[in-house]
Amino acid sequence: MTRSTAAPIAALIGSAFMGSVIITPLYPLYQREFGFSEITLTLVYAVYVVGNLAALLFFGQISDRAGRKRVALPALGLATAGTLLFVFAQGTAWLYAGRLLIGLAVGILSGTGTAWLAELFGPGERRAATVTAATANLTGIAVGPLLAGLLAEYAPVPLVLPFVAYLIVLGVVATAVARAPETRRLGESRLRVRPRVGVPRERWGAFAAPAVTAFVSFALGGLYFALIPTIVTHDLRVRNVAVSGLVVFALGVVAAVSLVLGRRLEPARAMAGGLLCLLPAVALVVLAQAARSMGVLLLASAVGGVALALGYRGSLEVVNEIAPDDRRAEVVSTYFMACFIGNSVPVIGVGVLSAVAGPLIASAVFAGTVGALAVAALGWSVRRPAHSKV
């Protein structure tokens, strides 16, 4: 395998996750344009996860049988359709529909792209494939909000031009993917679309810690991708949407760099490091709101980026270690369900509590809950070492 062979597939993964967060700095603009509440904002964000779960449950294994390219290109078409809904949006319903389609596309593309990379790297390079896929994911998450924030603040038609730029990215990636080598022989097995999730009963003890680690790591990500622009605008009194994009970019770029620098860490140590970093990260977000300090929020982003990278990579590798070969896809799919639920449910809770008790109290409750779960996951991982399979 050459670096150029894997590059289009890494770009596929990065562009998918770029689409999942390119709307992030634009939420305050949409609130003013369509006049919806904080609760509606969190629901617009979270409906994306419905698409993720649908893709995971029903389409997670489809590229194993239909071929990577034959699934990736139509999924890029779904991402294009969702993006066009944002370009022509006339109300909140258009945002719900666009987020749903983007979520479905990301769910399909992330699984297909990750499997495609693993096959391109080969069986002896599993960690390299995992690091490449995760780095592409986090790079897309970093670049999307920064690009959208800069275009929305300094270019015309702020609710259109960011998505036009993303459509260009999708076109370039689709062209590269169409020329990439296929790694599956078509017709190897009969095509079936059915849910495939689950963890063998004897593995639940070892699965608990990485699943909770994934939940809290992605809960932190969800807080940033849905609510940080509102915190920047309303609590820190910064109206420049490029700044919101910069804050999310800081989280993503630190995460991507941390993932590469920490690639030699053993999975259990990476997971524990992510959980330990998560505790000060969520505390610093609350402190930034209380002190109305951009400096503290950027520090929270840096610490949170390390937490997200190590928690995500470490927990995913631990799950790969404990999953039996004959049920690996089901166990990994269950792990990703924990990721997606963590990415959405806590954010909805913060949105509802913000409307009732105020944003600072909502963030404090979020920090306390996520911190308690992180401590619990650390305790489980100590009692059940990662290499233990039963």
Protein backbone atom coordinates (compact mmCIF):
# COMPACT_ATOMS: atom_id res chain seq x y z
CA MET A 1 0.00 0.00 0.00
CA THR A 2 1.21 3.52 -0.76
CA ARG A 3 0.28 6.70 1.06
CA SER A 4 -1.48 7.95 -2.10
CA THR A 5 -3.69 4.83 -2.16
CA ALA A 6 -5.07 5.50 1.32
CA ALA A 7 -5.34 9.29 0.89
CA PRO A 8 -8.71 9.32 -0.98
CA ILE A 9 -10.27 7.07 1.67
CA ALA A 10 -8.91 9.18 4.52
CA ALA A 11 -10.34 12.21 2.69
CA LEU A 12 -13.67 10.38 2.43
CA ILE A 13 -13.81 9.95 6.21
CA GLY A 14 -12.62 13.51 6.87
CA SER A 15 -15.15 15.06 4.50
CA ALA A 16 -17.97 13.04 6.06
CA PHE A 17 -17.23 14.34 9.54
CA MET A 18 -16.58 17.82 8.18
CA GLY A 19 -20.20 17.79 7.01
CA SER A 20 -21.40 16.75 10.45
CA VAL A 21 -20.05 19.93 12.09
CA ILE A 22 -19.89 22.57 9.36
CA ILE A 23 -23.19 23.93 10.66
CA THR A 24 -21.79 24.36 14.21
CA PRO A 25 -20.82 28.08 14.17
CA LEU A 26 -23.96 28.90 12.18
CA TYR A 27 -26.45 27.87 14.87
CA PRO A 28 -26.77 31.38 16.40
CA LEU A 29 -27.40 32.78 12.90
CA TYR A 30 -30.12 30.21 12.26
CA GLN A 31 -31.66 31.01 15.65
CA ARG A 32 -31.97 34.65 14.65
CA GLU A 33 -33.12 33.79 11.11
CA PHE A 34 -35.83 31.27 12.04
CA GLY A 35 -36.50 32.32 15.65
CA PHE A 36 -36.20 28.97 17.42
CA SER A 37 -35.33 28.22 21.04
CA GLU A 38 -32.28 26.62 22.66
CA ILE A 39 -34.20 23.35 23.00
CA THR A 40 -34.98 23.35 19.28
CA LEU A 41 -31.32 24.02 18.55
CA THR A 42 -30.27 20.92 20.49
CA LEU A 43 -32.94 18.85 18.74
CA VAL A 44 -31.75 20.05 15.31
CA TYR A 45 -28.27 18.97 16.33
CA ALA A 46 -29.39 15.65 17.80
CA VAL A 47 -31.57 14.51 14.88
CA TYR A 48 -28.27 13.90 13.11
CA VAL A 49 -27.75 10.97 15.47
CA VAL A 50 -31.02 9.38 14.31
CA GLY A 51 -29.44 9.13 10.88
CA ASN A 52 -26.24 7.74 12.43
CA LEU A 53 -28.15 5.01 14.29
CA ALA A 54 -30.22 4.09 11.23
CA ALA A 55 -27.03 3.71 9.20
CA LEU A 56 -25.40 1.67 11.94
CA LEU A 57 -28.36 -0.64 12.49
CA PHE A 58 -29.39 -1.27 8.91
CA PHE A 59 -26.49 -0.38 6.62
CA GLY A 60 -23.38 -1.00 8.73
CA GLN A 61 -22.35 -4.17 6.90
CA ILE A 62 -23.72 -3.41 3.43
CA SER A 63 -20.36 -2.44 1.91
CA ASP A 64 -18.93 -5.82 2.96
CA ARG A 65 -21.21 -7.36 0.36
CA ALA A 66 -21.97 -4.63 -2.17
CA GLY A 67 -18.41 -3.25 -2.36
CA ARG A 68 -16.83 -0.21 -0.73
CA LYS A 69 -17.03 2.09 -3.73
CA ARG A 70 -20.62 1.16 -4.64
CA VAL A 71 -21.72 2.20 -1.15
CA ALA A 72 -19.44 5.22 -0.66
CA LEU A 73 -20.46 7.09 -3.80
CA PRO A 74 -24.25 6.94 -3.16
CA ALA A 75 -23.60 7.93 0.48
CA LEU A 76 -21.71 10.99 -0.79
CA GLY A 77 -24.86 11.66 -2.80
CA LEU A 78 -26.87 11.60 0.45
CA ALA A 79 -24.43 14.10 1.98
CA THR A 80 -24.87 16.30 -1.09
CA ALA A 81 -28.67 16.16 -0.80
CA GLY A 82 -28.51 17.07 2.89
CA THR A 83 -26.18 19.98 2.16
CA LEU A 84 -28.50 21.30 -0.57
CA LEU A 85 -31.32 21.39 2.00
CA PHE A 86 -29.20 23.80 4.05
CA VAL A 87 -28.40 25.90 0.97
CA PHE A 88 -32.11 26.40 0.20
CA ALA A 89 -33.44 26.25 3.80
CA GLN A 90 -36.66 28.19 4.34
CA GLY A 91 -37.38 27.12 7.92
CA THR A 92 -36.47 24.85 10.81
CA ALA A 93 -37.95 21.76 9.13
CA TRP A 94 -35.35 22.06 6.38
CA LEU A 95 -32.62 21.95 9.03
CA TYR A 96 -34.07 18.79 10.59
CA ALA A 97 -34.22 17.09 7.18
CA GLY A 98 -30.70 18.18 6.26
CA ARG A 99 -29.23 16.98 9.54
CA LEU A 100 -31.02 13.64 9.20
CA LEU A 101 -29.58 13.02 5.73
CA ILE A 102 -26.10 14.14 6.79
CA GLY A 103 -26.30 11.79 9.79
CA LEU A 104 -27.27 8.88 7.58
CA ALA A 105 -24.44 9.67 5.16
CA VAL A 106 -21.84 10.00 7.94
CA GLY A 107 -22.96 6.74 9.53
CA ILE A 108 -22.53 4.87 6.25
CA LEU A 109 -19.32 6.61 5.17
CA SER A 110 -17.53 6.26 8.51
CA GLY A 111 -18.06 2.50 8.64
CA THR A 112 -17.32 1.98 4.95
CA GLY A 113 -14.25 4.20 4.99
CA THR A 114 -12.82 2.66 8.16
CA ALA A 115 -13.23 -0.88 6.77
CA TRP A 116 -11.78 0.21 3.43
CA LEU A 117 -8.68 1.64 5.12
CA ALA A 118 -8.21 -1.52 7.19
CA GLU A 119 -8.19 -3.59 3.99
CA LEU A 120 -5.79 -1.23 2.24
CA PHE A 121 -3.36 -1.31 5.18
CA GLY A 122 -3.61 -5.08 5.61
CA PRO A 123 -4.03 -7.38 8.64
CA GLY A 124 -0.66 -6.52 10.19
CA GLU A 125 -1.37 -2.78 10.32
CA ARG A 126 -4.60 -2.59 12.33
CA ARG A 127 -3.38 0.17 14.64
CA ALA A 128 -2.06 2.26 11.73
CA ALA A 129 -5.43 1.95 9.99
CA THR A 130 -7.30 2.90 13.18
CA VAL A 131 -5.06 5.95 13.78
CA THR A 132 -5.42 7.06 10.15
CA ALA A 133 -9.21 6.77 10.26
CA ALA A 134 -9.51 8.54 13.60
CA THR A 135 -7.09 11.31 12.55
CA ALA A 136 -9.10 11.88 9.37
CA ASN A 137 -12.28 12.01 11.46
CA LEU A 138 -10.87 14.59 13.88
CA THR A 139 -9.27 16.66 11.11
CA GLY A 140 -12.65 16.97 9.38
CA ILE A 141 -14.21 17.96 12.69
CA ALA A 142 -11.54 20.66 13.12
CA VAL A 143 -11.62 22.11 9.60
CA GLY A 144 -15.41 22.21 9.11
CA PRO A 145 -16.33 24.75 11.82
CA LEU A 146 -13.30 26.93 11.10
CA LEU A 147 -14.11 27.15 7.38
CA ALA A 148 -17.81 27.81 8.06
CA GLY A 149 -17.07 30.43 10.71
CA LEU A 150 -14.63 32.34 8.52
CA LEU A 151 -16.94 32.32 5.49
CA ALA A 152 -20.00 33.26 7.55
CA GLU A 153 -18.23 36.18 9.22
CA TYR A 154 -16.17 37.61 6.37
CA ALA A 155 -17.92 36.57 3.13
CA PRO A 156 -21.40 37.29 1.73
CA VAL A 157 -24.51 35.08 2.22
CA PRO A 158 -23.29 33.53 5.49
CA LEU A 159 -25.94 30.79 5.54
CA VAL A 160 -25.21 29.69 1.97
CA LEU A 161 -21.52 30.07 1.12
CA PRO A 162 -20.18 27.62 3.76
CA PHE A 163 -22.36 24.87 2.30
CA VAL A 164 -21.39 25.76 -1.27
CA ALA A 165 -17.75 25.35 -0.21
CA TYR A 166 -18.61 21.98 1.31
CA LEU A 167 -20.34 20.88 -1.90
CA ILE A 168 -17.09 21.59 -3.74
CA VAL A 169 -15.21 19.45 -1.19
CA LEU A 170 -17.70 16.61 -1.73
CA GLY A 171 -17.24 16.82 -5.49
CA VAL A 172 -13.45 16.63 -5.24
CA VAL A 173 -13.62 13.70 -2.79
CA ALA A 174 -16.16 11.83 -4.95
CA THR A 175 -13.84 12.14 -7.95
CA ALA A 176 -10.91 10.77 -5.94
CA VAL A 177 -12.97 7.92 -4.47
CA ALA A 178 -14.26 6.91 -7.91
CA ARG A 179 -10.64 6.29 -8.92
CA ALA A 180 -9.65 4.46 -5.72
CA PRO A 181 -9.03 0.70 -5.75
CA GLU A 182 -11.92 -1.55 -4.71
CA THR A 183 -10.99 -4.05 -1.98
CA ARG A 184 -14.09 -6.24 -2.04
CA ARG A 185 -14.97 -8.73 -4.76
CA LEU A 186 -18.57 -8.07 -5.69
CA GLY A 187 -21.01 -10.87 -5.10
CA GLU A 188 -18.92 -12.53 -2.37
CA SER A 189 -22.06 -13.08 -0.31
CA ARG A 190 -25.74 -12.39 -0.40
CA LEU A 191 -26.77 -8.80 0.31
CA ARG A 192 -28.78 -8.46 3.54
CA VAL A 193 -29.96 -5.35 5.36
CA ARG A 194 -30.72 -6.10 8.99
CA PRO A 195 -29.71 -4.88 12.46
CA ARG A 196 -26.50 -6.42 13.81
CA VAL A 197 -25.57 -5.25 17.30
CA GLY A 198 -24.85 -7.00 20.56
CA VAL A 199 -22.18 -8.04 23.06
CA PRO A 200 -21.70 -11.63 24.27
CA ARG A 201 -22.85 -11.98 27.88
CA GLU A 202 -19.39 -13.03 29.10
CA ARG A 203 -17.81 -9.87 27.62
CA TRP A 204 -20.12 -7.29 29.21
CA GLY A 205 -17.83 -6.75 32.20
CA ALA A 206 -14.87 -5.90 29.98
CA PHE A 207 -17.07 -3.90 27.57
CA ALA A 208 -18.50 -1.54 30.21
CA ALA A 209 -15.45 0.70 30.68
CA PRO A 210 -14.74 1.41 26.97
CA ALA A 211 -18.46 1.89 26.28
CA VAL A 212 -18.80 4.49 29.06
CA THR A 213 -15.51 6.09 27.96
CA ALA A 214 -16.94 6.43 24.44
CA PHE A 215 -20.19 7.87 25.83
CA VAL A 216 -18.52 10.60 27.92
CA SER A 217 -15.89 11.42 25.26
CA PHE A 218 -18.54 11.98 22.63
CA ALA A 219 -20.72 13.83 25.14
CA LEU A 220 -17.92 16.39 25.40
CA GLY A 221 -17.77 16.52 21.60
CA GLY A 222 -21.53 17.01 21.42
CA LEU A 223 -21.35 19.91 23.87
CA TYR A 224 -18.82 21.62 21.61
CA PHE A 225 -20.51 20.86 18.30
CA ALA A 226 -23.98 21.94 19.45
CA LEU A 227 -23.69 24.47 22.26
CA ILE A 228 -20.25 26.12 22.32
CA PRO A 229 -21.33 28.72 19.67
CA THR A 230 -24.20 29.73 21.95
CA ILE A 231 -21.86 29.90 24.95
CA VAL A 232 -19.44 32.08 22.97
CA THR A 233 -22.23 34.37 21.74
CA HIS A 234 -24.41 34.69 24.85
CA ASP A 235 -22.13 33.98 27.83
CA LEU A 236 -18.81 35.33 26.55
CA ARG A 237 -20.55 38.11 24.55
CA VAL A 238 -18.49 37.46 21.40
CA ARG A 239 -20.66 37.96 18.29
CA ASN A 240 -18.01 37.04 15.72
CA VAL A 241 -19.02 33.57 14.45
CA ALA A 242 -15.47 32.95 13.22
CA VAL A 243 -14.44 32.85 16.89
CA SER A 244 -16.95 30.07 17.56
CA GLY A 245 -15.47 28.15 14.65
CA LEU A 246 -11.98 28.75 16.03
CA VAL A 247 -12.90 27.34 19.46
CA VAL A 248 -14.25 24.12 17.92
CA PHE A 249 -11.26 24.01 15.56
CA ALA A 250 -8.96 24.14 18.60
CA LEU A 251 -10.69 21.09 20.08
CA GLY A 252 -10.47 19.15 16.81
CA VAL A 253 -6.90 20.04 15.85
CA VAL A 254 -5.53 19.29 19.33
CA ALA A 255 -7.40 15.99 19.23
CA ALA A 256 -5.94 15.08 15.83
CA VAL A 257 -2.38 15.98 16.92
CA SER A 258 -2.80 14.14 20.24
CA LEU A 259 -3.99 11.06 18.44
CA VAL A 260 -0.90 10.96 16.23
CA LEU A 261 1.52 11.74 19.07
CA GLY A 262 -0.11 9.17 21.36
CA ARG A 263 -0.40 6.41 18.79
CA ARG A 264 2.15 4.21 20.60
CA LEU A 265 0.28 4.29 23.91
CA GLU A 266 -1.25 1.00 24.94
CA PRO A 267 -5.04 1.11 24.50
CA ALA A 268 -5.86 0.85 28.22
CA ARG A 269 -3.43 3.66 29.08
CA ALA A 270 -4.79 5.85 26.30
CA MET A 271 -8.34 5.27 27.54
CA ALA A 272 -7.39 6.08 31.14
CA GLY A 273 -5.52 9.20 30.02
CA GLY A 274 -8.56 10.38 28.10
CA LEU A 275 -10.81 9.90 31.13
CA LEU A 276 -8.40 11.76 33.41
CA CYS A 277 -8.18 14.70 30.97
CA LEU A 278 -11.95 14.81 30.65
CA LEU A 279 -12.40 15.88 34.28
CA PRO A 280 -10.52 19.22 34.04
CA ALA A 281 -11.87 19.81 30.52
CA VAL A 282 -15.53 19.90 31.58
CA ALA A 283 -14.66 21.89 34.72
CA LEU A 284 -12.84 24.49 32.60
CA VAL A 285 -15.86 24.89 30.30
CA VAL A 286 -18.00 25.78 33.34
CA LEU A 287 -15.30 28.12 34.66
CA ALA A 288 -15.06 29.84 31.26
CA GLN A 289 -18.82 30.51 31.33
CA ALA A 290 -18.75 31.78 34.91
CA ALA A 291 -15.71 34.03 34.31
CA ARG A 292 -16.72 34.93 30.73
CA SER A 293 -13.16 34.12 29.71
CA MET A 294 -12.18 33.20 26.18
CA GLY A 295 -8.71 32.21 27.40
CA VAL A 296 -10.16 29.64 29.80
CA LEU A 297 -12.46 28.30 27.08
CA LEU A 298 -9.50 27.83 24.70
CA LEU A 299 -7.63 26.03 27.49
CA ALA A 300 -10.70 23.81 27.96
CA SER A 301 -10.63 23.10 24.22
CA ALA A 302 -6.98 22.06 24.37
CA VAL A 303 -7.47 19.73 27.34
CA GLY A 304 -10.73 18.48 25.86
CA GLY A 305 -9.02 17.70 22.57
CA VAL A 306 -6.55 15.44 24.36
CA ALA A 307 -9.41 13.80 26.25
CA LEU A 308 -11.43 13.19 23.09
CA ALA A 309 -8.48 11.75 21.14
CA LEU A 310 -7.18 9.41 23.83
CA GLY A 311 -10.60 8.35 25.05
CA TYR A 312 -11.88 7.59 21.55
CA ARG A 313 -8.80 5.77 20.26
CA GLY A 314 -8.11 3.88 23.48
CA SER A 315 -11.68 2.69 24.01
CA LEU A 316 -12.06 1.63 20.35
CA GLU A 317 -8.88 -0.43 20.48
CA VAL A 318 -9.92 -2.03 23.78
CA VAL A 319 -13.23 -3.04 22.20
CA ASN A 320 -11.36 -4.52 19.24
CA GLU A 321 -9.23 -6.53 21.69
CA ILE A 322 -12.15 -8.00 23.63
CA ALA A 323 -14.46 -8.64 20.66
CA PRO A 324 -14.60 -12.28 19.51
CA ASP A 325 -13.62 -12.69 15.85
CA ASP A 326 -16.96 -14.20 14.86
CA ARG A 327 -18.96 -11.30 16.38
CA ARG A 328 -16.55 -8.39 15.93
CA ALA A 329 -18.88 -6.32 13.73
CA GLU A 330 -21.74 -6.63 16.21
CA VAL A 331 -19.60 -5.65 19.21
CA VAL A 332 -18.00 -2.69 17.43
CA SER A 333 -21.43 -1.54 16.21
CA THR A 334 -22.68 -1.61 19.81
CA TYR A 335 -19.66 0.48 20.81
CA PHE A 336 -20.52 3.07 18.16
CA MET A 337 -24.08 3.19 19.45
CA ALA A 338 -22.62 4.31 22.80
CA CYS A 339 -20.65 6.98 20.90
CA PHE A 340 -23.70 8.29 19.03
CA ILE A 341 -26.00 8.26 22.08
CA GLY A 342 -23.35 10.09 24.09
CA ASN A 343 -23.08 12.61 21.27
CA SER A 344 -26.78 13.51 21.49
CA VAL A 345 -28.67 12.65 24.69
CA PRO A 346 -26.56 14.75 27.11
CA VAL A 347 -26.75 17.71 24.71
CA ILE A 348 -30.54 17.53 24.70
CA GLY A 349 -30.47 17.43 28.50
CA VAL A 350 -28.27 20.54 28.62
CA GLY A 351 -30.61 22.34 26.21
CA VAL A 352 -33.71 21.54 28.28
CA LEU A 353 -32.03 22.40 31.59
CA SER A 354 -30.68 25.66 30.15
CA ALA A 355 -34.24 26.75 29.37
CA VAL A 356 -35.36 25.93 32.91
CA ALA A 357 -32.41 26.82 35.15
CA GLY A 358 -30.00 28.78 32.96
CA PRO A 359 -26.96 27.80 30.88
CA LEU A 360 -24.38 27.95 33.68
CA ILE A 361 -26.29 25.54 35.92
CA ALA A 362 -26.96 23.28 32.94
CA SER A 363 -23.25 23.14 32.11
CA ALA A 364 -22.38 22.48 35.76
CA VAL A 365 -24.81 19.56 35.90
CA PHE A 366 -23.38 18.26 32.63
CA ALA A 367 -19.83 18.51 34.00
CA GLY A 368 -20.77 16.74 37.23
CA THR A 369 -22.60 13.92 35.45
CA VAL A 370 -19.93 13.35 32.83
CA GLY A 371 -17.21 13.55 35.48
CA ALA A 372 -18.94 10.95 37.66
CA LEU A 373 -19.29 8.58 34.71
CA ALA A 374 -15.62 9.09 33.82
CA VAL A 375 -14.57 8.19 37.37
CA ALA A 376 -16.81 5.12 37.23
CA ALA A 377 -15.24 4.04 33.93
CA LEU A 378 -11.79 4.44 35.44
CA GLY A 379 -12.84 2.24 38.35
CA TRP A 380 -14.23 -0.45 36.03
CA SER A 381 -11.07 -0.44 33.93
CA VAL A 382 -8.92 -0.97 37.03
CA ARG A 383 -11.09 -3.87 38.25
CA ARG A 384 -11.37 -5.36 34.74
CA PRO A 385 -8.04 -4.98 32.92
CA ALA A 386 -8.40 -4.29 29.20
CA HIS A 387 -6.69 -7.52 28.20
CA SER A 388 -9.18 -9.54 30.21
CA LYS A 389 -11.81 -10.95 27.92
CA VAL A 390 -14.15 -12.39 30.47
